Amino acid sequence: MGKSTVSSKDQLQIWQPLLVRDFLLLYIGESISLLGDQFYLVALPWLTIQLTHSPVSLGTVLMAAAVPRAVFLLLGGVVSDRLSPRFIMLVSNALRAVLTGLLTVLVALGTTQLWHLYLFALSFGVVDGFFIPAAKSIVPTLVTKELLAASNALSQGTTQLLMLIGPAFGGLLIATIGIQTAFAIDTATFLVTTVTLLLMKNSRKQSVVRTKETALTGELEKPLDSSMRKPTTRSNLAGLIAGIREGLNYVWHNPSLRAVLLVITMLNLVFIGPLQVGIASLAQSRFPGGAVALGIMNSAWGGGGLLGTLMPGVLRRLPRLGVLMLSLASIQGFGLLLLGFIPNIVWASVTIAVLGYCSGFFTVVGITWIQKQTSPEMLGRVMSLGMLSSFGVAPFSYALAGLLADLNLTILFCATGSIMLIASVLLAANASVRTIN
């Protein structure tokens, strides 16, 4: 009976964050927005491929978004720590609604040109640079530490579920009605999430802290307002630069954080580009179905990711973080190798689902680990550095993938998969990485 009761409580805990009003509003709004994003993530690559028939052009369009995203991530993390993550997300979603709305009009009128896509991607990347660290750091300001893992699992699980449903439906929508419909839906979802953010009560930046009493009882006080923090007298520009320096210094002097972020950076360099550019190129040149095939493969990624996000909650015991990270990276490297030779969309989708599973698994474990390792007042900056480990290398990864895919898709997947496997083996030989707990 006792074991049954504990198990029941564990199963219910994942839903407990939804009892927190502001988290519920955030969850609803971002879930709707993420559904629209799945349409966008099929529509933009397919629009680029249809306009240019060139993997290089697709790589450079993705790079146009990735460069400003990476450049502004650190600044976005500082701004998120100094202002309210909710406010940053609110402004970002409103701007993204305007951008996707303008692109919808261009596509509907049939006047879209490649330079439009570059300008759109560049603008979207700037906004993302501020939105991403705010979105990653807002959850700890809304829920207690006891609910943090459940909140992340719920958010990531929903993300992966939408990534399972959205892309296939988006591909079908594009094939039957048109690309402009996908962009129009994405615009509408940005407007909806803007409204849900407006309805949230916590208008100022907050961070969860322990008092002497709560440390003894295990309970947490309400989040403290940023006005209770030590004030800063620095000028705005000097303060922002100093804030970035403080974030870098904080991570550098935390050996485990530093090692994890460096490893993620190296592995993402040979994974992000081949995945996004490679899948779109497979749909365009190797498999029948066009946009529908692209949607199916993206949905396979989402389905695998969904299972991956659920797995940490199922397992009673996880291996060391270093061992887990390198094991999953090795599987992903082998999966990329396989994609170079797979002849049909069925097996390609199965392989992509495995890649998504590995990514989803590590995302839940990794984000929760970083959030628990980091002081609340540094969380925005550290999360922005975590995102930079992915987005900072994305421009180079997209450029490399575009060039290799233009030569031969098999070369693209085999080269990057082999590099990822070799890097995982070499990193496993490093005890400081392997023993991260």
Protein backbone atom coordinates (compact mmCIF):
# COMPACT_ATOMS: atom_id res chain seq x y z
CA MET A 1 0.00 0.00 0.00
CA GLY A 2 2.81 2.42 0.91
CA LYS A 3 4.61 1.88 -2.38
CA SER A 4 1.40 2.35 -4.30
CA THR A 5 0.73 5.68 -2.55
CA VAL A 6 4.20 7.04 -3.32
CA SER A 7 3.89 6.00 -6.94
CA SER A 8 0.51 7.71 -7.19
CA LYS A 9 1.95 10.93 -5.77
CA ASP A 10 4.85 10.79 -8.22
CA GLN A 11 2.44 10.38 -11.11
CA LEU A 12 0.32 13.33 -9.95
CA GLN A 13 3.26 15.68 -9.36
CA ILE A 14 3.83 16.40 -13.03
CA TRP A 15 0.42 18.10 -13.16
CA GLN A 16 0.85 20.12 -9.97
CA PRO A 17 2.49 23.16 -11.67
CA LEU A 18 -0.81 23.69 -13.53
CA LEU A 19 -2.37 24.64 -10.18
CA VAL A 20 -0.16 27.75 -10.20
CA ARG A 21 -2.20 30.37 -12.08
CA ASP A 22 0.66 32.18 -13.81
CA PHE A 23 2.35 28.95 -14.85
CA LEU A 24 -0.96 27.70 -16.25
CA LEU A 25 -1.32 30.88 -18.35
CA LEU A 26 2.30 30.56 -19.51
CA TYR A 27 1.78 26.89 -20.35
CA ILE A 28 -1.41 27.53 -22.36
CA GLY A 29 0.01 30.48 -24.28
CA GLU A 30 3.36 28.92 -25.10
CA SER A 31 1.75 25.61 -26.08
CA ILE A 32 -0.46 27.39 -28.60
CA SER A 33 2.52 29.37 -29.88
CA LEU A 34 4.61 26.21 -30.17
CA LEU A 35 1.92 24.60 -32.30
CA GLY A 36 2.16 27.53 -34.69
CA ASP A 37 5.95 27.21 -34.65
CA GLN A 38 5.68 23.66 -36.01
CA PHE A 39 3.88 25.00 -39.09
CA TYR A 40 6.53 27.69 -39.46
CA LEU A 41 9.40 25.21 -39.17
CA VAL A 42 8.02 23.29 -42.14
CA ALA A 43 6.91 26.34 -44.12
CA LEU A 44 10.13 28.41 -44.05
CA PRO A 45 12.53 25.67 -45.23
CA TRP A 46 10.04 24.49 -47.84
CA LEU A 47 9.46 28.04 -49.12
CA THR A 48 13.23 28.54 -49.42
CA ILE A 49 13.75 25.22 -51.21
CA GLN A 50 10.87 25.96 -53.61
CA LEU A 51 12.21 29.43 -54.42
CA THR A 52 15.85 28.43 -54.90
CA HIS A 53 16.10 24.60 -55.24
CA SER A 54 19.39 25.00 -53.35
CA PRO A 55 20.49 23.51 -50.01
CA VAL A 56 23.13 26.26 -49.84
CA SER A 57 20.41 28.93 -49.93
CA LEU A 58 18.48 27.11 -47.22
CA GLY A 59 21.62 26.94 -45.10
CA THR A 60 22.28 30.67 -45.52
CA VAL A 61 18.67 31.63 -44.71
CA LEU A 62 18.86 29.58 -41.51
CA MET A 63 22.27 31.14 -40.86
CA ALA A 64 20.78 34.64 -41.28
CA ALA A 65 18.50 33.89 -38.33
CA ALA A 66 21.14 32.06 -36.31
CA VAL A 67 23.82 34.78 -36.34
CA PRO A 68 21.80 37.58 -34.65
CA ARG A 69 20.16 35.00 -32.38
CA ALA A 70 23.58 33.95 -31.13
CA VAL A 71 24.90 37.53 -30.91
CA PHE A 72 21.98 38.78 -28.84
CA LEU A 73 21.58 35.75 -26.55
CA LEU A 74 24.04 36.99 -23.92
CA LEU A 75 22.56 40.48 -24.00
CA GLY A 76 19.10 38.93 -23.78
CA GLY A 77 20.13 36.97 -20.70
CA VAL A 78 21.35 40.11 -18.94
CA VAL A 79 18.19 42.03 -19.87
CA SER A 80 16.07 39.11 -18.63
CA ASP A 81 17.89 39.16 -15.27
CA ARG A 82 17.52 42.94 -14.92
CA LEU A 83 13.96 43.30 -16.19
CA SER A 84 11.03 40.86 -16.20
CA PRO A 85 11.21 37.69 -18.33
CA ARG A 86 7.47 38.08 -18.81
CA PHE A 87 7.90 41.59 -20.24
CA ILE A 88 10.65 40.44 -22.62
CA MET A 89 8.47 37.54 -23.81
CA LEU A 90 5.49 39.86 -24.23
CA VAL A 91 7.35 42.31 -26.47
CA SER A 92 9.06 39.49 -28.39
CA ASN A 93 5.79 37.71 -29.19
CA ALA A 94 4.18 40.94 -30.38
CA LEU A 95 7.13 41.62 -32.70
CA ARG A 96 7.11 38.07 -34.03
CA ALA A 97 3.40 38.40 -34.81
CA VAL A 98 4.18 41.49 -36.90
CA LEU A 99 7.05 39.76 -38.74
CA THR A 100 5.16 36.58 -39.59
CA GLY A 101 2.11 38.65 -40.55
CA LEU A 102 4.16 40.61 -43.09
CA LEU A 103 5.63 37.40 -44.51
CA THR A 104 2.13 35.93 -44.79
CA VAL A 105 1.06 38.89 -46.93
CA LEU A 106 4.12 38.58 -49.20
CA VAL A 107 3.56 34.86 -49.75
CA ALA A 108 -0.18 35.32 -50.35
CA LEU A 109 0.54 38.00 -52.98
CA GLY A 110 3.13 35.77 -54.65
CA THR A 111 5.83 38.46 -54.42
CA THR A 112 8.26 36.69 -52.08
CA GLN A 113 11.92 36.92 -53.06
CA LEU A 114 15.01 35.41 -51.49
CA TRP A 115 16.13 38.74 -49.99
CA HIS A 116 12.78 38.95 -48.19
CA LEU A 117 13.59 35.66 -46.47
CA TYR A 118 17.04 36.88 -45.46
CA LEU A 119 15.57 40.08 -43.97
CA PHE A 120 12.81 38.14 -42.22
CA ALA A 121 15.25 35.57 -40.81
CA LEU A 122 17.62 38.30 -39.63
CA SER A 123 14.85 40.20 -37.82
CA PHE A 124 13.39 37.02 -36.31
CA GLY A 125 16.83 36.03 -35.06
CA VAL A 126 17.30 39.33 -33.22
CA VAL A 127 13.95 38.94 -31.45
CA ASP A 128 14.72 35.30 -30.60
CA GLY A 129 17.98 36.38 -28.97
CA PHE A 130 15.96 38.18 -26.31
CA PHE A 131 13.01 35.79 -26.15
CA ILE A 132 14.90 32.53 -25.60
CA PRO A 133 16.76 33.33 -22.34
CA ALA A 134 13.59 34.95 -20.96
CA ALA A 135 11.51 31.87 -21.80
CA LYS A 136 14.12 29.56 -20.25
CA SER A 137 14.44 31.58 -17.04
CA ILE A 138 10.79 32.46 -16.34
CA VAL A 139 9.67 29.07 -14.96
CA PRO A 140 11.77 29.23 -11.74
CA THR A 141 10.14 32.62 -11.01
CA LEU A 142 6.66 31.07 -11.12
CA VAL A 143 7.00 27.75 -9.26
CA THR A 144 8.86 26.42 -6.23
CA LYS A 145 12.00 24.33 -6.55
CA GLU A 146 10.01 21.20 -5.67
CA LEU A 147 7.91 21.74 -8.80
CA LEU A 148 10.77 22.78 -11.07
CA ALA A 149 11.52 19.33 -12.52
CA ALA A 150 7.81 18.62 -13.03
CA SER A 151 7.35 22.01 -14.72
CA ASN A 152 10.24 21.38 -17.11
CA ALA A 153 9.05 17.85 -17.87
CA LEU A 154 5.51 19.09 -18.51
CA SER A 155 6.72 21.90 -20.77
CA GLN A 156 9.17 19.74 -22.69
CA GLY A 157 6.70 16.87 -22.98
CA THR A 158 4.06 19.19 -24.41
CA THR A 159 6.62 20.67 -26.79
CA GLN A 160 7.51 17.23 -28.10
CA LEU A 161 3.83 16.24 -28.37
CA LEU A 162 3.17 19.32 -30.50
CA MET A 163 6.28 18.51 -32.54
CA LEU A 164 4.71 15.10 -33.17
CA ILE A 165 1.34 16.45 -34.29
CA GLY A 166 2.15 19.84 -35.80
CA PRO A 167 4.69 19.23 -38.60
CA ALA A 168 2.77 16.44 -40.36
CA PHE A 169 -0.43 18.49 -40.26
CA GLY A 170 1.54 21.57 -41.37
CA GLY A 171 3.04 19.71 -44.32
CA LEU A 172 -0.39 18.47 -45.37
CA LEU A 173 -1.79 22.00 -45.00
CA ILE A 174 0.99 23.45 -47.16
CA ALA A 175 0.50 20.79 -49.83
CA THR A 176 -3.29 21.26 -50.02
CA ILE A 177 -3.96 24.94 -49.21
CA GLY A 178 -0.66 26.80 -49.46
CA ILE A 179 2.37 28.02 -47.54
CA GLN A 180 0.69 31.31 -46.62
CA THR A 181 -1.83 29.42 -44.45
CA ALA A 182 0.96 28.01 -42.28
CA PHE A 183 2.44 31.47 -41.73
CA ALA A 184 -1.02 32.94 -41.01
CA ILE A 185 -1.67 30.33 -38.31
CA ASP A 186 1.72 31.04 -36.74
CA THR A 187 0.87 34.76 -36.67
CA ALA A 188 -2.42 34.05 -34.89
CA THR A 189 -0.71 31.89 -32.26
CA PHE A 190 1.74 34.68 -31.42
CA LEU A 191 -1.20 36.99 -30.81
CA VAL A 192 -2.86 34.44 -28.51
CA THR A 193 0.25 33.93 -26.39
CA THR A 194 0.67 37.72 -26.14
CA VAL A 195 -2.78 37.86 -24.53
CA THR A 196 -2.00 35.07 -22.04
CA LEU A 197 1.20 36.87 -20.99
CA LEU A 198 -0.80 40.05 -20.44
CA LEU A 199 -3.15 38.13 -18.14
CA MET A 200 -0.32 36.98 -15.86
CA LYS A 201 -0.17 38.81 -12.52
CA ASN A 202 3.58 38.70 -11.86
CA SER A 203 4.68 41.78 -13.76
CA ARG A 204 8.12 42.11 -12.21
CA LYS A 205 11.19 39.88 -12.23
CA GLN A 206 11.20 37.39 -9.37
CA SER A 207 13.47 34.69 -8.06
CA VAL A 208 12.84 31.89 -5.60
CA VAL A 209 14.99 32.03 -2.45
CA ARG A 210 15.20 30.13 0.81
CA THR A 211 14.99 31.66 4.24
CA LYS A 212 16.37 30.04 7.41
CA GLU A 213 12.90 28.82 8.31
CA THR A 214 12.09 27.35 4.90
CA ALA A 215 15.49 25.68 4.70
CA LEU A 216 14.58 23.77 7.87
CA THR A 217 11.04 22.88 6.84
CA GLY A 218 11.81 22.17 3.20
CA GLU A 219 9.12 24.65 2.17
CA LEU A 220 9.74 27.63 -0.05
CA GLU A 221 8.73 31.21 0.48
CA LYS A 222 6.97 33.08 -2.28
CA PRO A 223 9.31 34.34 -5.01
CA LEU A 224 11.14 37.51 -4.03
CA ASP A 225 10.73 40.61 -6.13
CA SER A 226 13.78 41.97 -7.89
CA SER A 227 13.41 45.22 -5.94
CA MET A 228 14.73 43.31 -2.90
CA ARG A 229 17.99 42.52 -4.65
CA LYS A 230 21.14 44.57 -4.32
CA PRO A 231 20.67 47.64 -6.53
CA THR A 232 23.10 48.51 -9.26
CA THR A 233 24.48 52.00 -9.91
CA ARG A 234 26.23 51.21 -13.17
CA SER A 235 25.26 53.01 -16.35
CA ASN A 236 23.05 50.97 -18.65
CA LEU A 237 25.73 50.09 -21.22
CA ALA A 238 28.47 49.47 -18.67
CA GLY A 239 26.02 47.48 -16.57
CA LEU A 240 25.03 45.27 -19.51
CA ILE A 241 28.66 44.58 -20.40
CA ALA A 242 29.48 43.88 -16.77
CA GLY A 243 26.45 41.60 -16.55
CA ILE A 244 27.66 39.54 -19.50
CA ARG A 245 31.13 39.35 -17.94
CA GLU A 246 29.64 38.22 -14.63
CA GLY A 247 27.72 35.44 -16.37
CA LEU A 248 30.82 34.21 -18.22
CA ASN A 249 32.87 34.39 -15.03
CA TYR A 250 30.22 32.49 -13.06
CA VAL A 251 30.18 29.60 -15.55
CA TRP A 252 33.96 29.55 -15.96
CA HIS A 253 34.49 29.13 -12.22
CA ASN A 254 31.95 26.30 -12.01
CA PRO A 255 33.88 23.34 -13.51
CA SER A 256 30.83 21.13 -14.06
CA LEU A 257 28.79 23.88 -15.75
CA ARG A 258 31.78 24.85 -17.88
CA ALA A 259 32.44 21.29 -19.01
CA VAL A 260 28.80 20.55 -19.86
CA LEU A 261 28.37 23.73 -21.93
CA LEU A 262 31.65 23.17 -23.80
CA VAL A 263 30.72 19.59 -24.69
CA ILE A 264 27.24 20.61 -25.84
CA THR A 265 28.80 23.33 -28.01
CA MET A 266 31.19 20.95 -29.74
CA LEU A 267 28.54 18.31 -30.40
CA ASN A 268 25.94 20.78 -31.66
CA LEU A 269 28.39 22.10 -34.23
CA VAL A 270 28.07 18.88 -36.22
CA PHE A 271 24.43 18.09 -35.41
CA ILE A 272 22.13 21.12 -35.76
CA GLY A 273 22.87 21.95 -39.41
CA PRO A 274 22.80 18.41 -40.82
CA LEU A 275 19.49 17.80 -39.09
CA GLN A 276 17.62 20.90 -40.32
CA VAL A 277 19.22 21.34 -43.74
CA GLY A 278 19.55 17.60 -44.33
CA ILE A 279 15.92 16.67 -43.59
CA ALA A 280 14.57 19.39 -45.90
CA SER A 281 16.98 18.27 -48.62
CA LEU A 282 15.91 14.64 -48.20
CA ALA A 283 12.27 15.67 -48.69
CA GLN A 284 13.14 17.70 -51.76
CA SER A 285 15.52 15.34 -53.57
CA ARG A 286 15.35 11.77 -52.26
CA PHE A 287 11.83 10.99 -51.01
CA PRO A 288 8.46 11.54 -52.73
CA GLY A 289 5.82 13.71 -51.11
CA GLY A 290 7.57 17.07 -50.87
CA ALA A 291 6.22 19.19 -48.00
CA VAL A 292 4.25 16.22 -46.66
CA ALA A 293 7.44 14.14 -46.43
CA LEU A 294 9.18 17.01 -44.65
CA GLY A 295 6.29 17.26 -42.19
CA ILE A 296 6.33 13.51 -41.52
CA MET A 297 10.06 13.51 -40.73
CA ASN A 298 9.71 16.55 -38.46
CA SER A 299 6.83 14.80 -36.68
CA ALA A 300 9.01 11.72 -36.24
CA TRP A 301 11.55 13.94 -34.50
CA GLY A 302 8.79 15.26 -32.25
CA GLY A 303 7.46 11.79 -31.46
CA GLY A 304 10.88 10.53 -30.45
CA GLY A 305 11.45 13.68 -28.44
CA LEU A 306 8.18 13.14 -26.59
CA LEU A 307 9.25 9.68 -25.45
CA GLY A 308 12.64 11.08 -24.49
CA THR A 309 11.16 13.77 -22.26
CA LEU A 310 9.01 11.22 -20.44
CA MET A 311 11.84 8.76 -19.80
CA PRO A 312 13.65 10.69 -17.00
CA GLY A 313 10.42 10.57 -14.99
CA VAL A 314 10.07 6.82 -15.52
CA LEU A 315 13.60 5.82 -14.55
CA ARG A 316 14.24 5.47 -10.82
CA ARG A 317 17.95 6.15 -11.22
CA LEU A 318 19.89 8.02 -13.90
CA PRO A 319 23.55 7.52 -14.76
CA ARG A 320 26.07 10.31 -14.22
CA LEU A 321 25.28 13.33 -16.38
CA GLY A 322 28.61 13.04 -18.22
CA VAL A 323 28.05 9.38 -19.11
CA LEU A 324 24.45 10.07 -20.14
CA MET A 325 25.42 13.02 -22.33
CA LEU A 326 28.15 11.17 -24.21
CA SER A 327 26.07 7.99 -24.62
CA LEU A 328 23.20 9.91 -26.20
CA ALA A 329 25.63 11.83 -28.42
CA SER A 330 27.13 8.55 -29.67
CA ILE A 331 23.67 7.25 -30.61
CA GLN A 332 22.95 10.49 -32.46
CA GLY A 333 26.22 10.27 -34.36
CA PHE A 334 25.40 6.73 -35.47
CA GLY A 335 21.90 7.87 -36.48
CA LEU A 336 23.32 10.61 -38.72
CA LEU A 337 25.53 8.00 -40.38
CA LEU A 338 22.50 5.83 -41.13
CA LEU A 339 20.58 8.74 -42.70
CA GLY A 340 23.26 8.92 -45.38
CA PHE A 341 22.21 5.52 -46.75
CA ILE A 342 18.52 5.04 -45.87
CA PRO A 343 16.48 4.69 -49.10
CA ASN A 344 12.92 5.41 -47.93
CA ILE A 345 10.99 7.77 -45.68
CA VAL A 346 9.81 5.03 -43.30
CA TRP A 347 13.26 4.08 -42.07
CA ALA A 348 14.40 7.69 -42.23
CA SER A 349 11.53 8.62 -39.91
CA VAL A 350 12.39 5.79 -37.49
CA THR A 351 16.01 6.96 -37.37
CA ILE A 352 14.99 10.60 -36.89
CA ALA A 353 12.65 9.51 -34.07
CA VAL A 354 15.63 7.93 -32.28
CA LEU A 355 17.60 11.16 -32.72
CA GLY A 356 14.66 13.08 -31.25
CA TYR A 357 14.42 10.65 -28.32
CA CYS A 358 18.05 11.33 -27.39
CA SER A 359 17.56 15.07 -27.69
CA GLY A 360 14.35 15.10 -25.62
CA PHE A 361 15.87 12.94 -22.89
CA PHE A 362 18.89 15.17 -22.43
CA THR A 363 16.90 18.41 -22.70
CA VAL A 364 14.80 17.61 -19.61
CA VAL A 365 17.75 16.33 -17.58
CA GLY A 366 20.13 19.05 -18.77
CA ILE A 367 17.84 22.06 -18.24
CA THR A 368 16.80 20.90 -14.77
CA TRP A 369 20.44 20.24 -13.85
CA ILE A 370 21.55 23.70 -15.00
CA GLN A 371 18.66 25.43 -13.20
CA LYS A 372 19.50 23.64 -9.94
CA GLN A 373 23.23 24.37 -10.31
CA THR A 374 22.68 28.10 -10.82
CA SER A 375 21.98 30.94 -8.38
CA PRO A 376 18.58 32.57 -9.08
CA GLU A 377 20.09 36.01 -9.78
CA MET A 378 22.39 34.49 -12.45
CA LEU A 379 19.84 32.18 -14.05
CA GLY A 380 18.99 34.33 -17.08
CA ARG A 381 22.66 34.75 -17.98
CA VAL A 382 23.54 31.10 -17.45
CA MET A 383 20.53 29.92 -19.46
CA SER A 384 21.51 32.32 -22.25
CA LEU A 385 25.00 30.77 -22.24
CA GLY A 386 23.36 27.36 -22.38
CA MET A 387 21.34 28.43 -25.40
CA LEU A 388 24.48 29.98 -26.90
CA SER A 389 26.11 26.56 -26.77
CA SER A 390 23.49 25.53 -29.32
CA PHE A 391 22.64 28.71 -31.19
CA GLY A 392 26.16 30.15 -31.16
CA VAL A 393 27.48 27.36 -33.35
CA ALA A 394 24.33 27.12 -35.48
CA PRO A 395 25.48 29.61 -38.17
CA PHE A 396 28.63 27.59 -38.82
CA SER A 397 26.70 24.33 -38.69
CA TYR A 398 24.10 25.58 -41.21
CA ALA A 399 26.79 26.89 -43.56
CA LEU A 400 28.75 23.63 -43.41
CA ALA A 401 25.61 21.53 -43.88
CA GLY A 402 24.44 23.61 -46.84
CA LEU A 403 27.77 23.24 -48.63
CA LEU A 404 28.03 19.49 -47.99
CA ALA A 405 24.38 18.85 -48.93
CA ASP A 406 24.92 20.72 -52.20
CA LEU A 407 27.70 18.25 -53.00
CA ASN A 408 25.99 15.07 -51.82
CA LEU A 409 23.56 14.20 -49.02
CA THR A 410 25.39 10.97 -48.20
CA ILE A 411 28.62 12.91 -47.71
CA LEU A 412 26.80 15.36 -45.41
CA PHE A 413 25.41 12.70 -43.07
CA CYS A 414 28.43 10.40 -43.10
CA ALA A 415 30.95 13.17 -42.43
CA THR A 416 29.03 14.79 -39.58
CA GLY A 417 27.96 11.48 -38.04
CA SER A 418 31.55 10.21 -38.02
CA ILE A 419 32.82 13.42 -36.42
CA MET A 420 30.18 13.19 -33.71
CA LEU A 421 31.05 9.57 -32.94
CA ILE A 422 34.79 10.26 -32.80
CA ALA A 423 34.26 13.35 -30.61
CA SER A 424 32.10 11.34 -28.18
CA VAL A 425 34.78 8.66 -27.83
CA LEU A 426 37.54 11.23 -27.27
CA LEU A 427 35.48 13.12 -24.69
CA ALA A 428 34.66 9.86 -22.90
CA ALA A 429 38.39 9.41 -22.34
CA ASN A 430 38.40 12.66 -20.34
CA ALA A 431 37.64 11.81 -16.71
CA SER A 432 36.50 15.36 -15.84
CA VAL A 433 33.75 15.09 -18.46
CA ARG A 434 32.87 11.45 -17.88
CA THR A 435 32.43 11.85 -14.11
CA ILE A 436 30.13 14.91 -14.11
CA ASN A 437 27.37 13.94 -11.70
